[in-house]
Amino acid sequence: MEKKLKILLIEDNLIEIMKIKRTISFLKLDHTLHEAKNGEEALKILEDKSKFPDIILLDLNMPKMSGVEFLTIIKEKDEFKHIPIIILTTSDNQKDLLECYRIGVSGYVLKPLKYDDYVNKIKDILVYWSMNELKKI
């Protein structure tokens, strides 16, 4: 049975933010989406237990703090390291991919150019994680 997810989207590109909102709406998914435009904003959101996410969707290339830097900080903190983090990126750089998995990412997904392909990938990600037994704090 699928459950409602609290999703933290860490993305600095407004078009990408609108795209994921539109996708969730189009798919008629009843998930809660919180947004952060960079890793620093995301860390502040994580301080609020009422907004504590079930999963994090993370872009790699952001101002102030890269996705890899954010991922490193999160995976070093006991209260956060259990949160599944899925990288959503345009980077197919093998170095980025290997570094993210070394740190402890739960998934690495390339953003497709075609919107239909994007919708299908986001749907697969959210359906998969809504069926998982996630740790609640």
C-alpha atoms as a PDB file:
ATOM      1  CA  MET A   1       0.000   0.000   0.000  1.00  0.00           C
ATOM      2  CA  GLU A   2       1.328   3.399  -0.956  1.00  0.00           C
ATOM      3  CA  LYS A   3       1.589   6.034   1.730  1.00  0.00           C
ATOM      4  CA  LYS A   4       1.769   9.795   1.652  1.00  0.00           C
ATOM      5  CA  LEU A   5       5.370  10.976   1.609  1.00  0.00           C
ATOM      6  CA  LYS A   6       6.974  14.109   2.983  1.00  0.00           C
ATOM      7  CA  ILE A   7       9.459  15.068   0.291  1.00  0.00           C
ATOM      8  CA  LEU A   8      12.256  17.600   0.620  1.00  0.00           C
ATOM      9  CA  LEU A   9      13.283  18.890  -2.801  1.00  0.00           C
ATOM     10  CA  ILE A  10      16.662  20.626  -2.823  1.00  0.00           C
ATOM     11  CA  GLU A  11      16.867  22.419  -6.146  1.00  0.00           C
ATOM     12  CA  ASP A  12      17.937  25.940  -7.132  1.00  0.00           C
ATOM     13  CA  ASN A  13      16.383  25.992 -10.618  1.00  0.00           C
ATOM     14  CA  LEU A  14      12.839  27.421 -10.569  1.00  0.00           C
ATOM     15  CA  ILE A  15      11.908  25.599 -13.773  1.00  0.00           C
ATOM     16  CA  GLU A  16      12.911  22.264 -12.218  1.00  0.00           C
ATOM     17  CA  ILE A  17      10.903  23.085  -9.079  1.00  0.00           C
ATOM     18  CA  MET A  18       7.841  23.907 -11.177  1.00  0.00           C
ATOM     19  CA  LYS A  19       8.379  20.746 -13.227  1.00  0.00           C
ATOM     20  CA  ILE A  20       8.349  18.443 -10.208  1.00  0.00           C
ATOM     21  CA  LYS A  21       5.321  20.229  -8.717  1.00  0.00           C
ATOM     22  CA  ARG A  22       3.481  19.878 -12.008  1.00  0.00           C
ATOM     23  CA  THR A  23       4.470  16.217 -12.224  1.00  0.00           C
ATOM     24  CA  ILE A  24       3.221  15.410  -8.716  1.00  0.00           C
ATOM     25  CA  SER A  25      -0.028  17.234  -9.481  1.00  0.00           C
ATOM     26  CA  PHE A  26      -0.412  15.521 -12.879  1.00  0.00           C
ATOM     27  CA  LEU A  27       0.110  12.108 -11.264  1.00  0.00           C
ATOM     28  CA  LYS A  28      -2.475  12.996  -8.597  1.00  0.00           C
ATOM     29  CA  LEU A  29      -0.079  12.027  -5.816  1.00  0.00           C
ATOM     30  CA  ASP A  30      -0.946  13.219  -2.343  1.00  0.00           C
ATOM     31  CA  HIS A  31       2.599  13.883  -1.166  1.00  0.00           C
ATOM     32  CA  THR A  32       3.807  16.924   0.758  1.00  0.00           C
ATOM     33  CA  LEU A  33       6.632  18.807  -0.948  1.00  0.00           C
ATOM     34  CA  HIS A  34       8.962  21.160   0.899  1.00  0.00           C
ATOM     35  CA  GLU A  35      11.535  23.099  -1.096  1.00  0.00           C
ATOM     36  CA  ALA A  36      15.017  24.375  -0.419  1.00  0.00           C
ATOM     37  CA  LYS A  37      17.036  26.298  -2.976  1.00  0.00           C
ATOM     38  CA  ASN A  38      20.370  25.107  -1.558  1.00  0.00           C
ATOM     39  CA  GLY A  39      21.914  22.880   1.074  1.00  0.00           C
ATOM     40  CA  GLU A  40      21.965  25.584   3.740  1.00  0.00           C
ATOM     41  CA  GLU A  41      18.192  26.138   3.421  1.00  0.00           C
ATOM     42  CA  ALA A  42      17.682  22.380   3.532  1.00  0.00           C
ATOM     43  CA  LEU A  43      19.625  22.048   6.790  1.00  0.00           C
ATOM     44  CA  LYS A  44      17.387  24.722   8.341  1.00  0.00           C
ATOM     45  CA  ILE A  45      14.280  22.843   7.184  1.00  0.00           C
ATOM     46  CA  LEU A  46      15.610  19.647   8.752  1.00  0.00           C
ATOM     47  CA  GLU A  47      15.714  21.410  12.133  1.00  0.00           C
ATOM     48  CA  ASP A  48      11.883  21.580  12.054  1.00  0.00           C
ATOM     49  CA  LYS A  49      10.680  18.103  13.011  1.00  0.00           C
ATOM     50  CA  SER A  50       7.209  18.801  11.563  1.00  0.00           C
ATOM     51  CA  LYS A  51       8.816  19.097   8.113  1.00  0.00           C
ATOM     52  CA  PHE A  52      11.106  16.096   8.575  1.00  0.00           C
ATOM     53  CA  PRO A  53      11.132  14.318   5.190  1.00  0.00           C
ATOM     54  CA  ASP A  54      10.618  10.689   4.311  1.00  0.00           C
ATOM     55  CA  ILE A  55      12.876  11.187   1.282  1.00  0.00           C
ATOM     56  CA  ILE A  56      15.108  13.905  -0.127  1.00  0.00           C
ATOM     57  CA  LEU A  57      15.377  14.692  -3.842  1.00  0.00           C
ATOM     58  CA  LEU A  58      18.716  16.432  -4.306  1.00  0.00           C
ATOM     59  CA  ASP A  59      20.269  18.334  -7.199  1.00  0.00           C
ATOM     60  CA  LEU A  60      24.064  18.214  -7.411  1.00  0.00           C
ATOM     61  CA  ASN A  61      24.898  21.631  -8.845  1.00  0.00           C
ATOM     62  CA  MET A  62      23.715  24.371  -6.492  1.00  0.00           C
ATOM     63  CA  PRO A  63      25.030  27.637  -5.068  1.00  0.00           C
ATOM     64  CA  LYS A  64      26.486  27.969  -1.561  1.00  0.00           C
ATOM     65  CA  MET A  65      26.725  24.214  -0.975  1.00  0.00           C
ATOM     66  CA  SER A  66      26.934  21.513  -3.634  1.00  0.00           C
ATOM     67  CA  GLY A  67      24.783  18.415  -3.508  1.00  0.00           C
ATOM     68  CA  VAL A  68      27.843  16.330  -2.632  1.00  0.00           C
ATOM     69  CA  GLU A  69      28.674  18.649   0.286  1.00  0.00           C
ATOM     70  CA  PHE A  70      25.084  18.440   1.551  1.00  0.00           C
ATOM     71  CA  LEU A  71      25.042  14.659   1.159  1.00  0.00           C
ATOM     72  CA  THR A  72      28.301  14.376   3.136  1.00  0.00           C
ATOM     73  CA  ILE A  73      26.920  16.471   6.018  1.00  0.00           C
ATOM     74  CA  ILE A  74      23.650  14.513   6.172  1.00  0.00           C
ATOM     75  CA  LYS A  75      25.242  11.083   6.097  1.00  0.00           C
ATOM     76  CA  GLU A  76      27.578  12.040   8.976  1.00  0.00           C
ATOM     77  CA  LYS A  77      24.708  12.988  11.331  1.00  0.00           C
ATOM     78  CA  ASP A  78      22.991  10.143  13.180  1.00  0.00           C
ATOM     79  CA  GLU A  79      19.595  11.889  13.208  1.00  0.00           C
ATOM     80  CA  PHE A  80      19.604  12.297   9.404  1.00  0.00           C
ATOM     81  CA  LYS A  81      21.634   9.480   7.888  1.00  0.00           C
ATOM     82  CA  HIS A  82      18.650   7.113   7.633  1.00  0.00           C
ATOM     83  CA  ILE A  83      16.779   9.460   5.252  1.00  0.00           C
ATOM     84  CA  PRO A  84      16.832   8.110   1.691  1.00  0.00           C
ATOM     85  CA  ILE A  85      18.425  10.648  -0.645  1.00  0.00           C
ATOM     86  CA  ILE A  86      17.888  10.409  -4.387  1.00  0.00           C
ATOM     87  CA  ILE A  87      20.061  12.510  -6.644  1.00  0.00           C
ATOM     88  CA  LEU A  88      18.142  14.144  -9.515  1.00  0.00           C
ATOM     89  CA  THR A  89      20.693  15.584 -11.885  1.00  0.00           C
ATOM     90  CA  THR A  90      21.719  16.221 -15.463  1.00  0.00           C
ATOM     91  CA  SER A  91      25.275  15.084 -14.647  1.00  0.00           C
ATOM     92  CA  ASP A  92      26.187  11.705 -16.083  1.00  0.00           C
ATOM     93  CA  ASN A  93      29.749  12.193 -14.818  1.00  0.00           C
ATOM     94  CA  GLN A  94      30.956   8.830 -13.458  1.00  0.00           C
ATOM     95  CA  LYS A  95      33.047  10.609 -10.824  1.00  0.00           C
ATOM     96  CA  ASP A  96      29.894  12.283  -9.424  1.00  0.00           C
ATOM     97  CA  LEU A  97      27.959   9.017  -9.526  1.00  0.00           C
ATOM     98  CA  LEU A  98      30.654   7.017  -7.737  1.00  0.00           C
ATOM     99  CA  GLU A  99      31.248   9.727  -5.131  1.00  0.00           C
ATOM    100  CA  CYS A 100      27.534   9.936  -4.295  1.00  0.00           C
ATOM    101  CA  TYR A 101      27.230   6.171  -3.856  1.00  0.00           C
ATOM    102  CA  ARG A 102      30.432   6.118  -1.785  1.00  0.00           C
ATOM    103  CA  ILE A 103      28.919   8.691   0.591  1.00  0.00           C
ATOM    104  CA  GLY A 104      25.640   6.781   0.855  1.00  0.00           C
ATOM    105  CA  VAL A 105      23.070   8.028  -1.645  1.00  0.00           C
ATOM    106  CA  SER A 106      20.000   5.811  -2.135  1.00  0.00           C
ATOM    107  CA  GLY A 107      19.676   6.492  -5.850  1.00  0.00           C
ATOM    108  CA  TYR A 108      21.151   8.489  -8.713  1.00  0.00           C
ATOM    109  CA  VAL A 109      18.681   9.472 -11.434  1.00  0.00           C
ATOM    110  CA  LEU A 110      19.447  11.415 -14.597  1.00  0.00           C
ATOM    111  CA  LYS A 111      16.795  13.991 -15.498  1.00  0.00           C
ATOM    112  CA  PRO A 112      15.526  13.143 -18.976  1.00  0.00           C
ATOM    113  CA  LEU A 113      15.017  15.903 -21.526  1.00  0.00           C
ATOM    114  CA  LYS A 114      11.559  14.750 -22.650  1.00  0.00           C
ATOM    115  CA  TYR A 115       8.813  15.658 -20.186  1.00  0.00           C
ATOM    116  CA  ASP A 116       6.983  12.321 -20.580  1.00  0.00           C
ATOM    117  CA  ASP A 117      10.171  10.461 -19.667  1.00  0.00           C
ATOM    118  CA  TYR A 118      10.659  12.791 -16.699  1.00  0.00           C
ATOM    119  CA  VAL A 119       7.106  12.113 -15.454  1.00  0.00           C
ATOM    120  CA  ASN A 120       7.665   8.355 -15.689  1.00  0.00           C
ATOM    121  CA  LYS A 121      10.942   8.524 -13.750  1.00  0.00           C
ATOM    122  CA  ILE A 122       9.488  10.695 -10.992  1.00  0.00           C
ATOM    123  CA  LYS A 123       6.450   8.407 -10.773  1.00  0.00           C
ATOM    124  CA  ASP A 124       8.689   5.335 -10.429  1.00  0.00           C
ATOM    125  CA  ILE A 125      10.793   6.998  -7.719  1.00  0.00           C
ATOM    126  CA  LEU A 126       7.811   8.158  -5.675  1.00  0.00           C
ATOM    127  CA  VAL A 127       5.849   4.922  -6.018  1.00  0.00           C
ATOM    128  CA  TYR A 128       8.898   2.891  -4.973  1.00  0.00           C
ATOM    129  CA  TRP A 129       9.619   5.013  -1.896  1.00  0.00           C
ATOM    130  CA  SER A 130       5.950   5.238  -0.888  1.00  0.00           C
ATOM    131  CA  MET A 131       5.844   1.427  -0.673  1.00  0.00           C
ATOM    132  CA  ASN A 132       9.030   1.144   1.399  1.00  0.00           C
ATOM    133  CA  GLU A 133       8.974   0.890   5.151  1.00  0.00           C
ATOM    134  CA  LEU A 134      10.616   4.137   6.149  1.00  0.00           C
ATOM    135  CA  LYS A 135      11.977   4.954   9.577  1.00  0.00           C
ATOM    136  CA  LYS A 136       9.811   7.438  11.462  1.00  0.00           C
ATOM    137  CA  ILE A 137      11.260   9.636  14.156  1.00  0.00           C
END
